[in-house]
Amino acid sequence: MTGLLAFLALAVSTAALLYLRVTDPRRRRVFNLPPLDRDRPLLAQAALWLPAVGLILLGNLAALVIWMGGIAVIGWAVAAATPNTVVVARERFDALRVESAKRYVSLRAGLRLWLRVLSTIPAQLREEAATPGQSDRIAALEARIAELETLLAGRSTSESDAANTAKSPPLAIAGSRP
């Protein structure tokens, strides 16, 4: 439960931090972005700190400590990201998306080719089976296999009979010593 509370608090505070970063007039001036018509809203500043107050009121100090560490790291990451890095990251993501779409299309084309090749195999097998002389050859092979199986079965029974007679102990005759 502590982790879930800390995660929700971090999500709310991160959203407020991102909004504050986008609307900050000094930051926009430094990065040569056009100014916005609105001032920094107090609602976003309150949303930044409201999760901490909520965690204190709930008495969940472990979640508060997690939130403080997380918001410090997230704050540094939000402040370090320049608009150029965001644009570059977006361009890289778009390029990756286009590349993955190309791979998907080539994968689809490859699968279609394999399916086409695999669908021709049964037709080739039917053509080979319909070749004259093949069925006679297969019948001869099956007859030879049956003949060899019966020969093998006959040998195994005669060998097992011989083994049984060789292994049987001699009969003891009454009054004789071994």
N, C-alpha and C. Protein backbone atom coordinates (compact mmCIF):
# COMPACT_ATOMS: atom_id res chain seq x y z
N MET A 1 0.83 -1.19 0.00
CA MET A 1 0.00 0.00 0.00
C MET A 1 0.87 1.25 0.00
N THR A 2 2.00 1.18 0.72
CA THR A 2 2.90 2.33 0.79
C THR A 2 3.44 2.68 -0.59
N GLY A 3 3.84 1.66 -1.33
CA GLY A 3 4.37 1.89 -2.66
C GLY A 3 3.34 2.50 -3.59
N LEU A 4 2.11 2.03 -3.50
CA LEU A 4 1.04 2.56 -4.34
C LEU A 4 0.75 4.03 -4.00
N LEU A 5 0.71 4.34 -2.72
CA LEU A 5 0.49 5.75 -2.32
C LEU A 5 1.63 6.64 -2.80
N ALA A 6 2.86 6.16 -2.65
CA ALA A 6 4.01 6.95 -3.09
C ALA A 6 3.97 7.14 -4.61
N PHE A 7 3.60 6.10 -5.34
CA PHE A 7 3.52 6.20 -6.79
C PHE A 7 2.45 7.20 -7.22
N LEU A 8 1.29 7.14 -6.60
CA LEU A 8 0.22 8.09 -6.95
C LEU A 8 0.63 9.53 -6.62
N ALA A 9 1.28 9.71 -5.46
CA ALA A 9 1.73 11.05 -5.08
C ALA A 9 2.77 11.56 -6.06
N LEU A 10 3.68 10.70 -6.48
CA LEU A 10 4.70 11.09 -7.46
C LEU A 10 4.07 11.43 -8.81
N ALA A 11 3.05 10.69 -9.20
CA ALA A 11 2.39 10.97 -10.48
C ALA A 11 1.74 12.35 -10.48
N VAL A 12 1.05 12.68 -9.39
CA VAL A 12 0.40 14.00 -9.30
C VAL A 12 1.45 15.11 -9.29
N SER A 13 2.51 14.93 -8.50
CA SER A 13 3.54 15.96 -8.40
C SER A 13 4.32 16.10 -9.70
N THR A 14 4.54 15.00 -10.40
CA THR A 14 5.26 15.07 -11.68
C THR A 14 4.43 15.82 -12.72
N ALA A 15 3.15 15.57 -12.74
CA ALA A 15 2.28 16.30 -13.67
C ALA A 15 2.33 17.80 -13.38
N ALA A 16 2.30 18.15 -12.11
CA ALA A 16 2.37 19.58 -11.74
C ALA A 16 3.72 20.16 -12.13
N LEU A 17 4.81 19.41 -11.91
CA LEU A 17 6.15 19.89 -12.29
C LEU A 17 6.25 20.12 -13.80
N LEU A 18 5.73 19.19 -14.56
CA LEU A 18 5.78 19.34 -16.02
C LEU A 18 4.98 20.56 -16.47
N TYR A 19 3.84 20.76 -15.87
CA TYR A 19 3.04 21.93 -16.23
C TYR A 19 3.78 23.23 -15.87
N LEU A 20 4.39 23.24 -14.69
CA LEU A 20 5.14 24.43 -14.29
C LEU A 20 6.32 24.68 -15.20
N ARG A 21 6.99 23.62 -15.65
CA ARG A 21 8.12 23.79 -16.55
C ARG A 21 7.68 24.39 -17.88
N VAL A 22 6.55 23.93 -18.39
CA VAL A 22 6.08 24.43 -19.69
C VAL A 22 5.63 25.88 -19.60
N THR A 23 5.05 26.28 -18.48
CA THR A 23 4.50 27.64 -18.37
C THR A 23 5.46 28.63 -17.73
N ASP A 24 6.66 28.24 -17.35
CA ASP A 24 7.61 29.15 -16.70
C ASP A 24 8.09 30.21 -17.69
N PRO A 25 7.83 31.51 -17.39
CA PRO A 25 8.21 32.56 -18.34
C PRO A 25 9.72 32.71 -18.51
N ARG A 26 10.48 32.55 -17.43
CA ARG A 26 11.94 32.68 -17.56
C ARG A 26 12.52 31.56 -18.42
N ARG A 27 12.04 30.38 -18.22
CA ARG A 27 12.51 29.23 -19.00
C ARG A 27 12.17 29.42 -20.48
N ARG A 28 10.99 29.91 -20.75
CA ARG A 28 10.58 30.13 -22.13
C ARG A 28 11.44 31.22 -22.78
N ARG A 29 11.78 32.26 -22.00
CA ARG A 29 12.62 33.33 -22.52
C ARG A 29 14.04 32.83 -22.82
N VAL A 30 14.59 32.00 -21.94
CA VAL A 30 15.95 31.49 -22.12
C VAL A 30 16.04 30.60 -23.36
N PHE A 31 15.02 29.82 -23.61
CA PHE A 31 15.04 28.90 -24.75
C PHE A 31 14.38 29.50 -26.00
N ASN A 32 14.19 30.81 -25.99
CA ASN A 32 13.65 31.55 -27.14
C ASN A 32 12.30 30.99 -27.60
N LEU A 33 11.46 30.69 -26.63
CA LEU A 33 10.10 30.25 -26.93
C LEU A 33 9.16 31.42 -26.79
N PRO A 34 8.06 31.45 -27.50
CA PRO A 34 7.12 32.57 -27.38
C PRO A 34 6.48 32.57 -25.99
N PRO A 35 6.26 33.76 -25.43
CA PRO A 35 5.65 33.82 -24.10
C PRO A 35 4.19 33.38 -24.14
N LEU A 36 3.75 32.87 -23.01
CA LEU A 36 2.35 32.47 -22.88
C LEU A 36 1.56 33.61 -22.29
N ASP A 37 0.28 33.63 -22.53
CA ASP A 37 -0.58 34.70 -22.04
C ASP A 37 -0.98 34.51 -20.58
N ARG A 38 -0.72 33.34 -20.02
CA ARG A 38 -1.16 33.08 -18.65
C ARG A 38 0.03 33.08 -17.70
N ASP A 39 -0.25 33.44 -16.47
CA ASP A 39 0.78 33.42 -15.42
C ASP A 39 0.88 32.00 -14.87
N ARG A 40 1.89 31.82 -14.01
CA ARG A 40 2.06 30.52 -13.36
C ARG A 40 0.91 30.34 -12.38
N PRO A 41 0.11 29.31 -12.55
CA PRO A 41 -1.07 29.17 -11.70
C PRO A 41 -0.71 28.64 -10.32
N LEU A 42 -1.41 29.14 -9.35
CA LEU A 42 -1.22 28.66 -7.98
C LEU A 42 -1.74 27.23 -7.82
N LEU A 43 -2.67 26.85 -8.65
CA LEU A 43 -3.22 25.50 -8.57
C LEU A 43 -2.13 24.45 -8.85
N ALA A 44 -1.26 24.72 -9.83
CA ALA A 44 -0.18 23.78 -10.14
C ALA A 44 0.84 23.73 -9.01
N GLN A 45 1.12 24.88 -8.41
CA GLN A 45 2.05 24.88 -7.27
C GLN A 45 1.47 24.13 -6.08
N ALA A 46 0.18 24.28 -5.89
CA ALA A 46 -0.47 23.55 -4.79
C ALA A 46 -0.49 22.05 -5.09
N ALA A 47 -0.73 21.69 -6.35
CA ALA A 47 -0.76 20.28 -6.73
C ALA A 47 0.60 19.63 -6.57
N LEU A 48 1.65 20.44 -6.63
CA LEU A 48 3.00 19.91 -6.45
C LEU A 48 3.21 19.44 -5.01
N TRP A 49 2.69 20.22 -4.04
CA TRP A 49 2.95 19.91 -2.63
C TRP A 49 1.79 19.21 -1.93
N LEU A 50 0.63 19.19 -2.55
CA LEU A 50 -0.53 18.57 -1.92
C LEU A 50 -0.35 17.08 -1.60
N PRO A 51 0.31 16.28 -2.45
CA PRO A 51 0.51 14.87 -2.08
C PRO A 51 1.34 14.69 -0.80
N ALA A 52 2.30 15.58 -0.56
CA ALA A 52 3.09 15.48 0.67
C ALA A 52 2.21 15.72 1.89
N VAL A 53 1.34 16.71 1.80
CA VAL A 53 0.44 17.01 2.91
C VAL A 53 -0.50 15.83 3.15
N GLY A 54 -0.99 15.24 2.04
CA GLY A 54 -1.88 14.09 2.17
C GLY A 54 -1.19 12.89 2.81
N LEU A 55 0.06 12.66 2.46
CA LEU A 55 0.79 11.53 3.06
C LEU A 55 1.05 11.77 4.54
N ILE A 56 1.30 13.03 4.91
CA ILE A 56 1.51 13.36 6.32
C ILE A 56 0.21 13.15 7.10
N LEU A 57 -0.90 13.61 6.53
CA LEU A 57 -2.18 13.45 7.21
C LEU A 57 -2.58 11.98 7.34
N LEU A 58 -2.21 11.16 6.37
CA LEU A 58 -2.49 9.73 6.46
C LEU A 58 -1.56 9.03 7.45
N GLY A 59 -0.47 9.68 7.79
CA GLY A 59 0.48 9.09 8.73
C GLY A 59 1.39 8.06 8.08
N ASN A 60 1.47 8.07 6.79
CA ASN A 60 2.32 7.11 6.07
C ASN A 60 3.66 7.78 5.78
N LEU A 61 4.53 7.76 6.77
CA LEU A 61 5.81 8.46 6.64
C LEU A 61 6.76 7.74 5.68
N ALA A 62 6.62 6.43 5.54
CA ALA A 62 7.47 5.71 4.58
C ALA A 62 7.16 6.17 3.16
N ALA A 63 5.88 6.34 2.83
CA ALA A 63 5.50 6.83 1.51
C ALA A 63 5.97 8.27 1.32
N LEU A 64 5.98 9.06 2.42
CA LEU A 64 6.45 10.44 2.33
C LEU A 64 7.94 10.48 2.00
N VAL A 65 8.72 9.61 2.63
CA VAL A 65 10.16 9.57 2.34
C VAL A 65 10.41 9.13 0.90
N ILE A 66 9.64 8.14 0.43
CA ILE A 66 9.76 7.70 -0.97
C ILE A 66 9.39 8.85 -1.90
N TRP A 67 8.33 9.58 -1.58
CA TRP A 67 7.90 10.70 -2.40
C TRP A 67 8.97 11.78 -2.45
N MET A 68 9.58 12.09 -1.29
CA MET A 68 10.60 13.15 -1.27
C MET A 68 11.80 12.77 -2.13
N GLY A 69 12.26 11.53 -2.05
CA GLY A 69 13.39 11.09 -2.88
C GLY A 69 13.01 11.08 -4.35
N GLY A 70 11.82 10.58 -4.64
CA GLY A 70 11.39 10.50 -6.03
C GLY A 70 11.17 11.85 -6.65
N ILE A 71 10.57 12.79 -5.91
CA ILE A 71 10.30 14.11 -6.49
C ILE A 71 11.60 14.89 -6.69
N ALA A 72 12.61 14.62 -5.85
CA ALA A 72 13.91 15.28 -6.05
C ALA A 72 14.55 14.80 -7.35
N VAL A 73 14.53 13.50 -7.58
CA VAL A 73 15.13 12.95 -8.81
C VAL A 73 14.33 13.39 -10.03
N ILE A 74 13.02 13.32 -9.93
CA ILE A 74 12.17 13.71 -11.06
C ILE A 74 12.32 15.20 -11.34
N GLY A 75 12.43 16.01 -10.28
CA GLY A 75 12.62 17.45 -10.46
C GLY A 75 13.91 17.76 -11.21
N TRP A 76 14.99 17.07 -10.87
CA TRP A 76 16.25 17.27 -11.60
C TRP A 76 16.10 16.85 -13.05
N ALA A 77 15.43 15.75 -13.30
CA ALA A 77 15.25 15.28 -14.67
C ALA A 77 14.38 16.24 -15.48
N VAL A 78 13.34 16.77 -14.87
CA VAL A 78 12.47 17.72 -15.56
C VAL A 78 13.23 19.01 -15.86
N ALA A 79 14.02 19.47 -14.91
CA ALA A 79 14.77 20.71 -15.11
C ALA A 79 15.89 20.53 -16.13
N ALA A 80 16.48 19.34 -16.20
CA ALA A 80 17.59 19.11 -17.11
C ALA A 80 17.15 18.98 -18.56
N ALA A 81 15.92 18.59 -18.78
CA ALA A 81 15.44 18.40 -20.15
C ALA A 81 15.16 19.75 -20.80
N THR A 82 15.91 20.02 -21.86
CA THR A 82 15.68 21.26 -22.60
C THR A 82 14.64 20.99 -23.68
N PRO A 83 14.03 22.03 -24.22
CA PRO A 83 13.08 21.80 -25.30
C PRO A 83 13.73 21.10 -26.49
N ASN A 84 15.04 21.37 -26.72
CA ASN A 84 15.72 20.71 -27.84
C ASN A 84 15.83 19.21 -27.60
N THR A 85 16.13 18.81 -26.37
CA THR A 85 16.24 17.37 -26.10
C THR A 85 14.88 16.70 -26.24
N VAL A 86 13.84 17.40 -25.90
CA VAL A 86 12.50 16.85 -26.07
C VAL A 86 12.19 16.68 -27.55
N VAL A 87 12.57 17.68 -28.36
CA VAL A 87 12.34 17.60 -29.81
C VAL A 87 13.17 16.47 -30.42
N VAL A 88 14.43 16.36 -30.00
CA VAL A 88 15.29 15.30 -30.52
C VAL A 88 14.75 13.94 -30.12
N ALA A 89 14.31 13.82 -28.87
CA ALA A 89 13.74 12.55 -28.42
C ALA A 89 12.49 12.20 -29.21
N ARG A 90 11.67 13.21 -29.49
CA ARG A 90 10.46 12.96 -30.28
C ARG A 90 10.82 12.54 -31.71
N GLU A 91 11.83 13.18 -32.30
CA GLU A 91 12.27 12.80 -33.65
C GLU A 91 12.81 11.37 -33.66
N ARG A 92 13.60 11.03 -32.64
CA ARG A 92 14.13 9.66 -32.57
C ARG A 92 13.01 8.65 -32.40
N PHE A 93 12.03 9.00 -31.60
CA PHE A 93 10.89 8.10 -31.41
C PHE A 93 10.13 7.92 -32.72
N ASP A 94 9.91 9.03 -33.46
CA ASP A 94 9.22 8.92 -34.74
C ASP A 94 10.02 8.08 -35.73
N ALA A 95 11.36 8.27 -35.75
CA ALA A 95 12.20 7.48 -36.64
C ALA A 95 12.14 6.00 -36.26
N LEU A 96 12.15 5.73 -34.97
CA LEU A 96 12.05 4.35 -34.51
C LEU A 96 10.71 3.74 -34.88
N ARG A 97 9.66 4.54 -34.76
CA ARG A 97 8.33 4.05 -35.13
C ARG A 97 8.26 3.74 -36.62
N VAL A 98 8.86 4.61 -37.45
CA VAL A 98 8.87 4.37 -38.90
C VAL A 98 9.68 3.12 -39.21
N GLU A 99 10.85 2.98 -38.54
CA GLU A 99 11.69 1.80 -38.76
C GLU A 99 10.97 0.52 -38.35
N SER A 100 10.28 0.57 -37.21
CA SER A 100 9.55 -0.63 -36.79
C SER A 100 8.40 -0.93 -37.74
N ALA A 101 7.79 0.11 -38.31
CA ALA A 101 6.73 -0.12 -39.30
C ALA A 101 7.30 -0.77 -40.55
N LYS A 102 8.51 -0.34 -40.97
CA LYS A 102 9.15 -0.97 -42.12
C LYS A 102 9.47 -2.43 -41.82
N ARG A 103 9.97 -2.68 -40.62
CA ARG A 103 10.27 -4.06 -40.25
C ARG A 103 9.01 -4.91 -40.23
N TYR A 104 7.92 -4.31 -39.75
CA TYR A 104 6.66 -5.04 -39.71
C TYR A 104 6.21 -5.38 -41.12
N VAL A 105 6.34 -4.40 -42.04
CA VAL A 105 5.93 -4.65 -43.41
C VAL A 105 6.82 -5.71 -44.03
N SER A 106 8.14 -5.64 -43.79
CA SER A 106 9.02 -6.65 -44.37
C SER A 106 8.77 -8.02 -43.74
N LEU A 107 8.45 -8.04 -42.46
CA LEU A 107 8.12 -9.30 -41.80
C LEU A 107 6.85 -9.89 -42.40
N ARG A 108 5.88 -9.03 -42.65
CA ARG A 108 4.64 -9.49 -43.26
C ARG A 108 4.88 -10.04 -44.66
N ALA A 109 5.74 -9.34 -45.42
CA ALA A 109 6.05 -9.81 -46.78
C ALA A 109 6.79 -11.14 -46.71
N GLY A 110 7.69 -11.28 -45.76
CA GLY A 110 8.41 -12.54 -45.59
C GLY A 110 7.49 -13.67 -45.23
N LEU A 111 6.55 -13.40 -44.33
CA LEU A 111 5.58 -14.43 -43.96
C LEU A 111 4.70 -14.84 -45.13
N ARG A 112 4.31 -13.85 -45.94
CA ARG A 112 3.50 -14.17 -47.11
C ARG A 112 4.27 -15.05 -48.08
N LEU A 113 5.57 -14.74 -48.27
CA LEU A 113 6.40 -15.55 -49.15
C LEU A 113 6.50 -16.98 -48.64
N TRP A 114 6.74 -17.13 -47.33
CA TRP A 114 6.84 -18.48 -46.76
C TRP A 114 5.52 -19.22 -46.89
N LEU A 115 4.42 -18.54 -46.66
CA LEU A 115 3.12 -19.20 -46.80
C LEU A 115 2.88 -19.63 -48.23
N ARG A 116 3.31 -18.81 -49.20
CA ARG A 116 3.17 -19.17 -50.60
C ARG A 116 4.02 -20.40 -50.92
N VAL A 117 5.25 -20.42 -50.40
CA VAL A 117 6.14 -21.57 -50.63
C VAL A 117 5.56 -22.83 -49.97
N LEU A 118 5.09 -22.68 -48.74
CA LEU A 118 4.53 -23.83 -48.03
C LEU A 118 3.25 -24.34 -48.68
N SER A 119 2.49 -23.45 -49.29
CA SER A 119 1.25 -23.91 -49.93
C SER A 119 1.53 -24.67 -51.21
N THR A 120 2.70 -24.48 -51.82
CA THR A 120 3.03 -25.23 -53.03
C THR A 120 3.57 -26.62 -52.72
N ILE A 121 4.00 -26.88 -51.49
CA ILE A 121 4.57 -28.18 -51.15
C ILE A 121 3.57 -29.32 -51.31
N PRO A 122 2.33 -29.21 -50.80
CA PRO A 122 1.39 -30.31 -51.01
C PRO A 122 1.15 -30.60 -52.49
N ALA A 123 1.12 -29.57 -53.33
CA ALA A 123 0.92 -29.79 -54.77
C ALA A 123 2.11 -30.56 -55.35
N GLN A 124 3.32 -30.22 -54.91
CA GLN A 124 4.50 -30.94 -55.39
C GLN A 124 4.46 -32.39 -54.94
N LEU A 125 4.03 -32.62 -53.70
CA LEU A 125 3.94 -34.00 -53.21
C LEU A 125 2.91 -34.81 -53.99
N ARG A 126 1.79 -34.18 -54.34
CA ARG A 126 0.77 -34.88 -55.13
C ARG A 126 1.31 -35.22 -56.52
N GLU A 127 2.08 -34.28 -57.11
CA GLU A 127 2.65 -34.55 -58.42
C GLU A 127 3.65 -35.69 -58.37
N GLU A 128 4.47 -35.73 -57.30
CA GLU A 128 5.45 -36.81 -57.17
C GLU A 128 4.76 -38.15 -56.94
N ALA A 129 3.68 -38.15 -56.18
CA ALA A 129 2.96 -39.39 -55.92
C ALA A 129 2.27 -39.90 -57.18
N ALA A 130 1.90 -38.98 -58.07
CA ALA A 130 1.21 -39.36 -59.29
C ALA A 130 2.18 -39.80 -60.38
N THR A 131 3.48 -39.75 -60.11
CA THR A 131 4.46 -40.15 -61.11
C THR A 131 4.33 -41.65 -61.37
N PRO A 132 4.30 -42.07 -62.63
CA PRO A 132 4.13 -43.51 -62.92
C PRO A 132 5.33 -44.31 -62.39
N GLY A 133 5.03 -45.48 -61.84
CA GLY A 133 6.07 -46.35 -61.33
C GLY A 133 6.35 -46.14 -59.85
N GLN A 134 5.98 -45.00 -59.30
CA GLN A 134 6.24 -44.71 -57.90
C GLN A 134 5.40 -45.59 -57.00
N SER A 135 4.13 -45.77 -57.32
CA SER A 135 3.26 -46.56 -56.46
C SER A 135 3.70 -48.02 -56.46
N ASP A 136 4.18 -48.55 -57.61
CA ASP A 136 4.68 -49.93 -57.65
C ASP A 136 5.93 -50.07 -56.78
N ARG A 137 6.76 -49.09 -56.84
CA ARG A 137 7.99 -49.11 -56.05
C ARG A 137 7.69 -49.08 -54.56
N ILE A 138 6.74 -48.24 -54.17
CA ILE A 138 6.35 -48.14 -52.76
C ILE A 138 5.74 -49.45 -52.30
N ALA A 139 4.91 -50.09 -53.13
CA ALA A 139 4.29 -51.36 -52.76
C ALA A 139 5.36 -52.44 -52.58
N ALA A 140 6.38 -52.44 -53.44
CA ALA A 140 7.46 -53.43 -53.31
C ALA A 140 8.23 -53.21 -52.02
N LEU A 141 8.48 -51.96 -51.68
CA LEU A 141 9.20 -51.67 -50.43
C LEU A 141 8.39 -52.08 -49.22
N GLU A 142 7.08 -51.85 -49.24
CA GLU A 142 6.23 -52.24 -48.12
C GLU A 142 6.19 -53.76 -47.97
N ALA A 143 6.18 -54.49 -49.10
CA ALA A 143 6.19 -55.95 -49.05
C ALA A 143 7.50 -56.45 -48.46
N ARG A 144 8.61 -55.85 -48.85
CA ARG A 144 9.92 -56.26 -48.32
C ARG A 144 10.00 -55.98 -46.82
N ILE A 145 9.45 -54.86 -46.36
CA ILE A 145 9.45 -54.52 -44.93
C ILE A 145 8.64 -55.55 -44.16
N ALA A 146 7.49 -55.95 -44.69
CA ALA A 146 6.65 -56.95 -44.03
C ALA A 146 7.38 -58.29 -43.94
N GLU A 147 8.07 -58.66 -45.02
CA GLU A 147 8.83 -59.90 -45.03
C GLU A 147 9.94 -59.89 -43.98
N LEU A 148 10.66 -58.78 -43.89
CA LEU A 148 11.73 -58.67 -42.90
C LEU A 148 11.19 -58.67 -41.47
N GLU A 149 10.04 -58.07 -41.26
CA GLU A 149 9.44 -58.07 -39.93
C GLU A 149 9.05 -59.49 -39.49
N THR A 150 8.49 -60.28 -40.40
CA THR A 150 8.14 -61.66 -40.04
C THR A 150 9.38 -62.49 -39.79
N LEU A 151 10.44 -62.28 -40.57
CA LEU A 151 11.69 -62.98 -40.37
C LEU A 151 12.29 -62.64 -39.02
N LEU A 152 12.26 -61.38 -38.68
CA LEU A 152 12.78 -60.93 -37.39
C LEU A 152 11.95 -61.48 -36.24
N ALA A 153 10.64 -61.51 -36.39
CA ALA A 153 9.77 -62.05 -35.34
C ALA A 153 10.04 -63.54 -35.15
N GLY A 154 10.29 -64.28 -36.24
CA GLY A 154 10.59 -65.71 -36.14
C GLY A 154 11.91 -65.94 -35.44
N ARG A 155 12.91 -65.13 -35.73
CA ARG A 155 14.21 -65.28 -35.09
C ARG A 155 14.13 -65.00 -33.60
N SER A 156 13.41 -63.97 -33.24
CA SER A 156 13.35 -63.60 -31.83
C SER A 156 12.65 -64.67 -31.00
N THR A 157 11.64 -65.33 -31.56
CA THR A 157 10.97 -66.39 -30.80
C THR A 157 11.86 -67.62 -30.69
N SER A 158 12.58 -67.99 -31.75
CA SER A 158 13.47 -69.15 -31.67
C SER A 158 14.64 -68.89 -30.75
N GLU A 159 15.15 -67.65 -30.76
CA GLU A 159 16.25 -67.30 -29.85
C GLU A 159 15.78 -67.28 -28.41
N SER A 160 14.57 -66.84 -28.15
CA SER A 160 14.07 -66.81 -26.79
C SER A 160 13.81 -68.23 -26.28
N ASP A 161 13.37 -69.16 -27.17
CA ASP A 161 13.19 -70.55 -26.77
C ASP A 161 14.52 -71.19 -26.43
N ALA A 162 15.55 -70.92 -27.24
CA ALA A 162 16.88 -71.48 -26.99
C ALA A 162 17.45 -70.93 -25.70
N ALA A 163 17.23 -69.66 -25.45
CA ALA A 163 17.75 -69.05 -24.23
C ALA A 163 17.04 -69.61 -23.01
N ASN A 164 15.76 -69.88 -23.12
CA ASN A 164 15.01 -70.43 -21.98
C ASN A 164 15.46 -71.85 -21.66
N THR A 165 15.73 -72.66 -22.67
CA THR A 165 16.18 -74.03 -22.42
C THR A 165 17.60 -74.05 -21.87
N ALA A 166 18.44 -73.13 -22.29
CA ALA A 166 19.81 -73.08 -21.80
C ALA A 166 19.86 -72.61 -20.36
N LYS A 167 18.94 -71.76 -19.97
CA LYS A 167 18.95 -71.19 -18.62
C LYS A 167 18.23 -72.06 -17.60
N SER A 168 17.47 -73.08 -18.03
CA SER A 168 16.69 -73.86 -17.08
C SER A 168 17.62 -74.77 -16.26
N PRO A 169 17.40 -74.85 -14.97
CA PRO A 169 18.27 -75.66 -14.12
C PRO A 169 18.00 -77.15 -14.34
N PRO A 170 19.03 -77.97 -14.13
CA PRO A 170 18.81 -79.42 -14.31
C PRO A 170 17.86 -79.93 -13.25
N LEU A 171 17.12 -80.97 -13.61
CA LEU A 171 16.15 -81.55 -12.69
C LEU A 171 16.90 -82.31 -11.59
N ALA A 172 16.46 -82.14 -10.40
CA ALA A 172 17.07 -82.85 -9.29
C ALA A 172 16.42 -84.22 -9.17
N ILE A 173 17.23 -85.24 -9.12
CA ILE A 173 16.72 -86.61 -8.98
C ILE A 173 16.80 -86.96 -7.52
N ALA A 174 15.79 -87.60 -7.06
CA ALA A 174 15.73 -87.95 -5.64
C ALA A 174 16.89 -88.85 -5.28
N GLY A 175 17.57 -88.54 -4.22
CA GLY A 175 18.67 -89.36 -3.70
C GLY A 175 19.99 -89.10 -4.38
N SER A 176 20.05 -88.26 -5.36
CA SER A 176 21.35 -87.99 -5.99
C SER A 176 21.92 -86.69 -5.46
N ARG A 177 23.23 -86.61 -5.48
CA ARG A 177 23.88 -85.40 -5.02
C ARG A 177 24.34 -84.58 -6.21
N PRO A 178 24.31 -83.36 -6.04
CA PRO A 178 24.77 -82.54 -7.13
C PRO A 178 26.28 -82.48 -7.22
